[in-house]
Amino acid sequence: MIFTDKNFQEEVLKSPIPVLVEFWASWCPPCKMVEPIIDRLEKEYMGRMKIGKMNVDINPVTAKRYNVKGLPTFIIFINGKIVYRGVAAKTENELRRVIEEILASQDEEVRV
């Protein structure tokens, strides 16, 4: 999914499921390295977590609002609140571990 300054409120902050946003730029080599990983995870977690990218050069308002300085920056939102923030390229296993922890904590809240 592609997130933009225009759709961020609706697609991310008001999402009924957790959302992972990768803030990236076309000139960022580590971002290019992570791109296929994000695409795979987006398909794998469809319906459980929304996963997508936001180009900071095209969408500077949101990047500034969340103080994105280094790229790539990964932020996971639940109900409009930040529950995870990571900067620098991550391996697929690192991202999967974070996603699974977030989803497991969501499942715990549902059971309580």
N, C-alpha and C. Protein backbone atom coordinates (compact mmCIF):
# COMPACT_ATOMS: atom_id res chain seq x y z
N MET A 1 0.84 -1.17 0.00
CA MET A 1 0.00 0.00 0.00
C MET A 1 0.89 1.24 0.00
N ILE A 2 0.44 2.25 -0.70
CA ILE A 2 1.16 3.52 -0.73
C ILE A 2 0.40 4.51 0.16
N PHE A 3 1.10 5.03 1.17
CA PHE A 3 0.52 6.04 2.03
C PHE A 3 0.96 7.42 1.56
N THR A 4 0.08 8.40 1.71
CA THR A 4 0.37 9.77 1.29
C THR A 4 -0.08 10.73 2.40
N ASP A 5 0.35 11.99 2.26
CA ASP A 5 -0.13 13.00 3.20
C ASP A 5 -1.66 13.06 3.18
N LYS A 6 -2.24 12.86 2.00
CA LYS A 6 -3.70 12.95 1.86
C LYS A 6 -4.44 11.78 2.49
N ASN A 7 -3.92 10.55 2.35
CA ASN A 7 -4.67 9.39 2.85
C ASN A 7 -4.21 8.91 4.23
N PHE A 8 -3.21 9.55 4.81
CA PHE A 8 -2.62 9.07 6.07
C PHE A 8 -3.64 9.00 7.20
N GLN A 9 -4.41 10.03 7.36
CA GLN A 9 -5.42 10.07 8.45
C GLN A 9 -6.35 8.86 8.34
N GLU A 10 -6.91 8.67 7.16
CA GLU A 10 -7.90 7.61 6.96
C GLU A 10 -7.27 6.21 6.98
N GLU A 11 -6.18 6.03 6.23
CA GLU A 11 -5.58 4.71 6.05
C GLU A 11 -4.74 4.25 7.24
N VAL A 12 -4.13 5.18 7.95
CA VAL A 12 -3.23 4.82 9.05
C VAL A 12 -3.85 5.13 10.41
N LEU A 13 -4.13 6.38 10.66
CA LEU A 13 -4.57 6.78 12.00
C LEU A 13 -5.96 6.24 12.37
N LYS A 14 -6.83 6.06 11.39
CA LYS A 14 -8.18 5.55 11.66
C LYS A 14 -8.33 4.07 11.32
N SER A 15 -7.24 3.41 11.01
CA SER A 15 -7.30 1.99 10.63
C SER A 15 -7.78 1.12 11.80
N PRO A 16 -8.68 0.17 11.51
CA PRO A 16 -9.14 -0.74 12.57
C PRO A 16 -8.11 -1.82 12.93
N ILE A 17 -7.08 -1.97 12.10
CA ILE A 17 -6.01 -2.94 12.37
C ILE A 17 -4.68 -2.18 12.46
N PRO A 18 -3.65 -2.79 13.08
CA PRO A 18 -2.35 -2.12 13.16
C PRO A 18 -1.80 -1.80 11.76
N VAL A 19 -0.99 -0.75 11.69
CA VAL A 19 -0.41 -0.31 10.43
C VAL A 19 1.09 -0.10 10.58
N LEU A 20 1.86 -0.74 9.68
CA LEU A 20 3.30 -0.50 9.62
C LEU A 20 3.56 0.42 8.44
N VAL A 21 4.20 1.56 8.70
CA VAL A 21 4.55 2.50 7.64
C VAL A 21 6.07 2.54 7.52
N GLU A 22 6.56 2.30 6.30
CA GLU A 22 7.98 2.48 6.03
C GLU A 22 8.14 3.84 5.36
N PHE A 23 8.83 4.76 6.03
CA PHE A 23 9.15 6.05 5.43
C PHE A 23 10.44 5.86 4.64
N TRP A 24 10.43 6.21 3.36
CA TRP A 24 11.56 5.93 2.48
C TRP A 24 11.74 7.06 1.47
N ALA A 25 12.81 6.95 0.67
CA ALA A 25 13.05 7.88 -0.44
C ALA A 25 13.74 7.12 -1.56
N SER A 26 13.54 7.58 -2.79
CA SER A 26 14.10 6.88 -3.96
C SER A 26 15.63 6.92 -3.98
N TRP A 27 16.24 7.90 -3.34
CA TRP A 27 17.70 8.04 -3.33
C TRP A 27 18.38 7.26 -2.20
N CYS A 28 17.60 6.51 -1.42
CA CYS A 28 18.10 5.82 -0.22
C CYS A 28 18.41 4.34 -0.54
N PRO A 29 19.70 3.97 -0.65
CA PRO A 29 20.05 2.57 -0.96
C PRO A 29 19.47 1.54 0.02
N PRO A 30 19.52 1.77 1.35
CA PRO A 30 18.94 0.77 2.26
C PRO A 30 17.43 0.61 2.04
N CYS A 31 16.76 1.69 1.62
CA CYS A 31 15.31 1.62 1.34
C CYS A 31 15.06 0.67 0.17
N LYS A 32 15.90 0.75 -0.84
CA LYS A 32 15.76 -0.14 -2.01
C LYS A 32 15.95 -1.59 -1.58
N MET A 33 16.87 -1.82 -0.67
CA MET A 33 17.15 -3.17 -0.18
C MET A 33 15.94 -3.75 0.56
N VAL A 34 15.23 -2.91 1.30
CA VAL A 34 14.10 -3.35 2.11
C VAL A 34 12.81 -3.49 1.29
N GLU A 35 12.75 -2.85 0.13
CA GLU A 35 11.52 -2.82 -0.67
C GLU A 35 10.89 -4.20 -0.91
N PRO A 36 11.65 -5.20 -1.39
CA PRO A 36 11.00 -6.51 -1.61
C PRO A 36 10.51 -7.16 -0.32
N ILE A 37 11.18 -6.87 0.79
CA ILE A 37 10.76 -7.42 2.09
C ILE A 37 9.40 -6.83 2.47
N ILE A 38 9.26 -5.52 2.33
CA ILE A 38 7.99 -4.86 2.66
C ILE A 38 6.88 -5.41 1.77
N ASP A 39 7.17 -5.60 0.49
CA ASP A 39 6.16 -6.14 -0.43
C ASP A 39 5.71 -7.54 -0.01
N ARG A 40 6.66 -8.39 0.38
CA ARG A 40 6.32 -9.76 0.84
C ARG A 40 5.50 -9.72 2.12
N LEU A 41 5.93 -8.91 3.09
CA LEU A 41 5.22 -8.84 4.37
C LEU A 41 3.82 -8.27 4.19
N GLU A 42 3.67 -7.31 3.27
CA GLU A 42 2.34 -6.73 3.01
C GLU A 42 1.36 -7.82 2.59
N LYS A 43 1.81 -8.71 1.70
CA LYS A 43 0.94 -9.81 1.24
C LYS A 43 0.70 -10.82 2.36
N GLU A 44 1.77 -11.16 3.08
CA GLU A 44 1.69 -12.18 4.13
C GLU A 44 0.74 -11.79 5.27
N TYR A 45 0.75 -10.52 5.66
CA TYR A 45 -0.04 -10.08 6.81
C TYR A 45 -1.34 -9.38 6.43
N MET A 46 -1.71 -9.44 5.15
CA MET A 46 -2.93 -8.78 4.69
C MET A 46 -4.12 -9.23 5.53
N GLY A 47 -4.89 -8.26 5.99
CA GLY A 47 -6.05 -8.55 6.82
C GLY A 47 -5.76 -8.53 8.32
N ARG A 48 -4.49 -8.72 8.68
CA ARG A 48 -4.09 -8.68 10.09
C ARG A 48 -3.35 -7.41 10.44
N MET A 49 -2.56 -6.92 9.47
CA MET A 49 -1.81 -5.67 9.64
C MET A 49 -1.68 -5.03 8.27
N LYS A 50 -1.93 -3.74 8.20
CA LYS A 50 -1.74 -2.98 6.98
C LYS A 50 -0.27 -2.60 6.91
N ILE A 51 0.38 -2.88 5.79
CA ILE A 51 1.80 -2.59 5.64
C ILE A 51 2.00 -1.82 4.34
N GLY A 52 2.72 -0.72 4.42
CA GLY A 52 2.94 0.08 3.22
C GLY A 52 4.07 1.07 3.37
N LYS A 53 4.24 1.87 2.31
CA LYS A 53 5.36 2.79 2.23
C LYS A 53 4.89 4.23 2.03
N MET A 54 5.71 5.14 2.52
CA MET A 54 5.45 6.57 2.31
C MET A 54 6.74 7.23 1.87
N ASN A 55 6.72 7.80 0.67
CA ASN A 55 7.87 8.50 0.14
C ASN A 55 7.96 9.88 0.80
N VAL A 56 9.06 10.12 1.54
CA VAL A 56 9.18 11.36 2.31
C VAL A 56 9.39 12.58 1.43
N ASP A 57 9.93 12.39 0.23
CA ASP A 57 10.14 13.53 -0.67
C ASP A 57 8.82 14.02 -1.25
N ILE A 58 7.90 13.11 -1.48
CA ILE A 58 6.60 13.46 -2.05
C ILE A 58 5.60 13.83 -0.96
N ASN A 59 5.82 13.32 0.26
CA ASN A 59 4.89 13.53 1.38
C ASN A 59 5.62 14.10 2.60
N PRO A 60 6.13 15.34 2.48
CA PRO A 60 6.94 15.89 3.57
C PRO A 60 6.16 16.26 4.84
N VAL A 61 4.88 16.51 4.71
CA VAL A 61 4.09 16.95 5.87
C VAL A 61 4.06 15.86 6.95
N THR A 62 3.71 14.65 6.55
CA THR A 62 3.61 13.54 7.51
C THR A 62 4.99 13.17 8.04
N ALA A 63 5.99 13.14 7.17
CA ALA A 63 7.35 12.82 7.60
C ALA A 63 7.83 13.82 8.66
N LYS A 64 7.52 15.08 8.45
CA LYS A 64 7.91 16.10 9.43
C LYS A 64 7.13 15.94 10.73
N ARG A 65 5.82 15.67 10.62
CA ARG A 65 4.98 15.51 11.80
C ARG A 65 5.52 14.41 12.71
N TYR A 66 6.06 13.34 12.11
CA TYR A 66 6.56 12.22 12.91
C TYR A 66 8.08 12.25 13.06
N ASN A 67 8.67 13.41 12.77
CA ASN A 67 10.08 13.64 13.01
C ASN A 67 10.98 12.58 12.37
N VAL A 68 10.68 12.26 11.12
CA VAL A 68 11.47 11.26 10.40
C VAL A 68 12.74 11.94 9.91
N LYS A 69 13.87 11.49 10.44
CA LYS A 69 15.17 12.08 10.08
C LYS A 69 16.04 11.08 9.30
N GLY A 70 16.05 9.83 9.73
CA GLY A 70 16.85 8.81 9.05
C GLY A 70 15.95 7.90 8.24
N LEU A 71 16.51 7.33 7.19
CA LEU A 71 15.73 6.42 6.33
C LEU A 71 16.45 5.09 6.18
N PRO A 72 15.68 4.03 6.04
CA PRO A 72 14.24 3.97 6.24
C PRO A 72 13.88 4.08 7.73
N THR A 73 12.70 4.62 7.98
CA THR A 73 12.13 4.64 9.33
C THR A 73 10.86 3.82 9.29
N PHE A 74 10.72 2.92 10.24
CA PHE A 74 9.52 2.07 10.34
C PHE A 74 8.74 2.49 11.58
N ILE A 75 7.47 2.81 11.39
CA ILE A 75 6.61 3.15 12.53
C ILE A 75 5.36 2.29 12.44
N ILE A 76 4.99 1.66 13.57
CA ILE A 76 3.75 0.90 13.64
C ILE A 76 2.77 1.67 14.50
N PHE A 77 1.58 1.86 13.95
CA PHE A 77 0.51 2.58 14.63
C PHE A 77 -0.62 1.62 14.99
N ILE A 78 -1.18 1.79 16.17
CA ILE A 78 -2.40 1.10 16.57
C ILE A 78 -3.35 2.17 17.10
N ASN A 79 -4.53 2.23 16.50
CA ASN A 79 -5.51 3.25 16.89
C ASN A 79 -4.91 4.65 16.89
N GLY A 80 -4.07 4.94 15.89
CA GLY A 80 -3.49 6.27 15.74
C GLY A 80 -2.31 6.56 16.64
N LYS A 81 -1.91 5.59 17.47
CA LYS A 81 -0.79 5.79 18.40
C LYS A 81 0.42 4.96 17.96
N ILE A 82 1.60 5.54 18.14
CA ILE A 82 2.84 4.84 17.79
C ILE A 82 3.12 3.78 18.85
N VAL A 83 3.29 2.53 18.40
CA VAL A 83 3.64 1.45 19.32
C VAL A 83 5.03 0.88 19.03
N TYR A 84 5.60 1.27 17.90
CA TYR A 84 6.96 0.83 17.54
C TYR A 84 7.57 1.85 16.59
N ARG A 85 8.85 2.10 16.78
CA ARG A 85 9.59 2.98 15.88
C ARG A 85 10.99 2.41 15.73
N GLY A 86 11.44 2.23 14.50
CA GLY A 86 12.78 1.75 14.23
C GLY A 86 13.37 2.49 13.05
N VAL A 87 14.66 2.79 13.15
CA VAL A 87 15.34 3.50 12.07
C VAL A 87 16.48 2.62 11.57
N ALA A 88 16.68 2.62 10.26
CA ALA A 88 17.72 1.86 9.55
C ALA A 88 17.11 0.58 8.99
N ALA A 89 17.76 0.06 7.98
CA ALA A 89 17.26 -1.14 7.32
C ALA A 89 17.16 -2.29 8.32
N LYS A 90 16.15 -3.11 8.13
CA LYS A 90 15.92 -4.27 8.98
C LYS A 90 15.85 -5.51 8.08
N THR A 91 16.22 -6.64 8.64
CA THR A 91 16.07 -7.88 7.89
C THR A 91 14.60 -8.30 7.91
N GLU A 92 14.26 -9.22 7.06
CA GLU A 92 12.89 -9.73 7.04
C GLU A 92 12.55 -10.36 8.39
N ASN A 93 13.49 -11.10 8.96
CA ASN A 93 13.23 -11.74 10.26
C ASN A 93 13.04 -10.71 11.37
N GLU A 94 13.83 -9.63 11.35
CA GLU A 94 13.66 -8.59 12.38
C GLU A 94 12.28 -7.95 12.28
N LEU A 95 11.86 -7.61 11.06
CA LEU A 95 10.54 -7.00 10.88
C LEU A 95 9.43 -7.99 11.25
N ARG A 96 9.59 -9.24 10.85
CA ARG A 96 8.57 -10.25 11.17
C ARG A 96 8.44 -10.42 12.68
N ARG A 97 9.56 -10.41 13.39
CA ARG A 97 9.53 -10.57 14.86
C ARG A 97 8.76 -9.41 15.50
N VAL A 98 9.02 -8.18 15.05
CA VAL A 98 8.31 -7.01 15.59
C VAL A 98 6.82 -7.12 15.28
N ILE A 99 6.49 -7.47 14.04
CA ILE A 99 5.08 -7.60 13.64
C ILE A 99 4.38 -8.66 14.49
N GLU A 100 5.02 -9.80 14.65
CA GLU A 100 4.42 -10.89 15.43
C GLU A 100 4.20 -10.48 16.89
N GLU A 101 5.17 -9.74 17.46
CA GLU A 101 5.01 -9.28 18.85
C GLU A 101 3.82 -8.33 18.98
N ILE A 102 3.70 -7.42 18.03
CA ILE A 102 2.57 -6.46 18.04
C ILE A 102 1.25 -7.22 17.90
N LEU A 103 1.19 -8.14 16.95
CA LEU A 103 -0.05 -8.88 16.73
C LEU A 103 -0.39 -9.76 17.94
N ALA A 104 0.62 -10.34 18.57
CA ALA A 104 0.38 -11.17 19.76
C ALA A 104 -0.17 -10.31 20.90
N SER A 105 0.36 -9.10 21.05
CA SER A 105 -0.14 -8.22 22.12
C SER A 105 -1.57 -7.80 21.82
N GLN A 106 -1.90 -7.63 20.55
CA GLN A 106 -3.28 -7.31 20.15
C GLN A 106 -4.21 -8.48 20.51
N ASP A 107 -3.76 -9.69 20.22
CA ASP A 107 -4.56 -10.88 20.52
C ASP A 107 -4.80 -10.99 22.02
N GLU A 108 -3.78 -10.67 22.82
CA GLU A 108 -3.91 -10.72 24.29
C GLU A 108 -5.00 -9.74 24.75
N GLU A 109 -4.98 -8.53 24.19
CA GLU A 109 -5.98 -7.52 24.58
C GLU A 109 -7.39 -7.97 24.23
N VAL A 110 -7.54 -8.66 23.11
CA VAL A 110 -8.85 -9.12 22.68
C VAL A 110 -9.39 -10.18 23.64
N ARG A 111 -8.48 -11.05 24.13
CA ARG A 111 -8.89 -12.13 25.03
C ARG A 111 -9.27 -11.64 26.42
N VAL A 112 -8.69 -10.51 26.84
CA VAL A 112 -8.91 -10.03 28.21
C VAL A 112 -10.32 -9.54 28.41
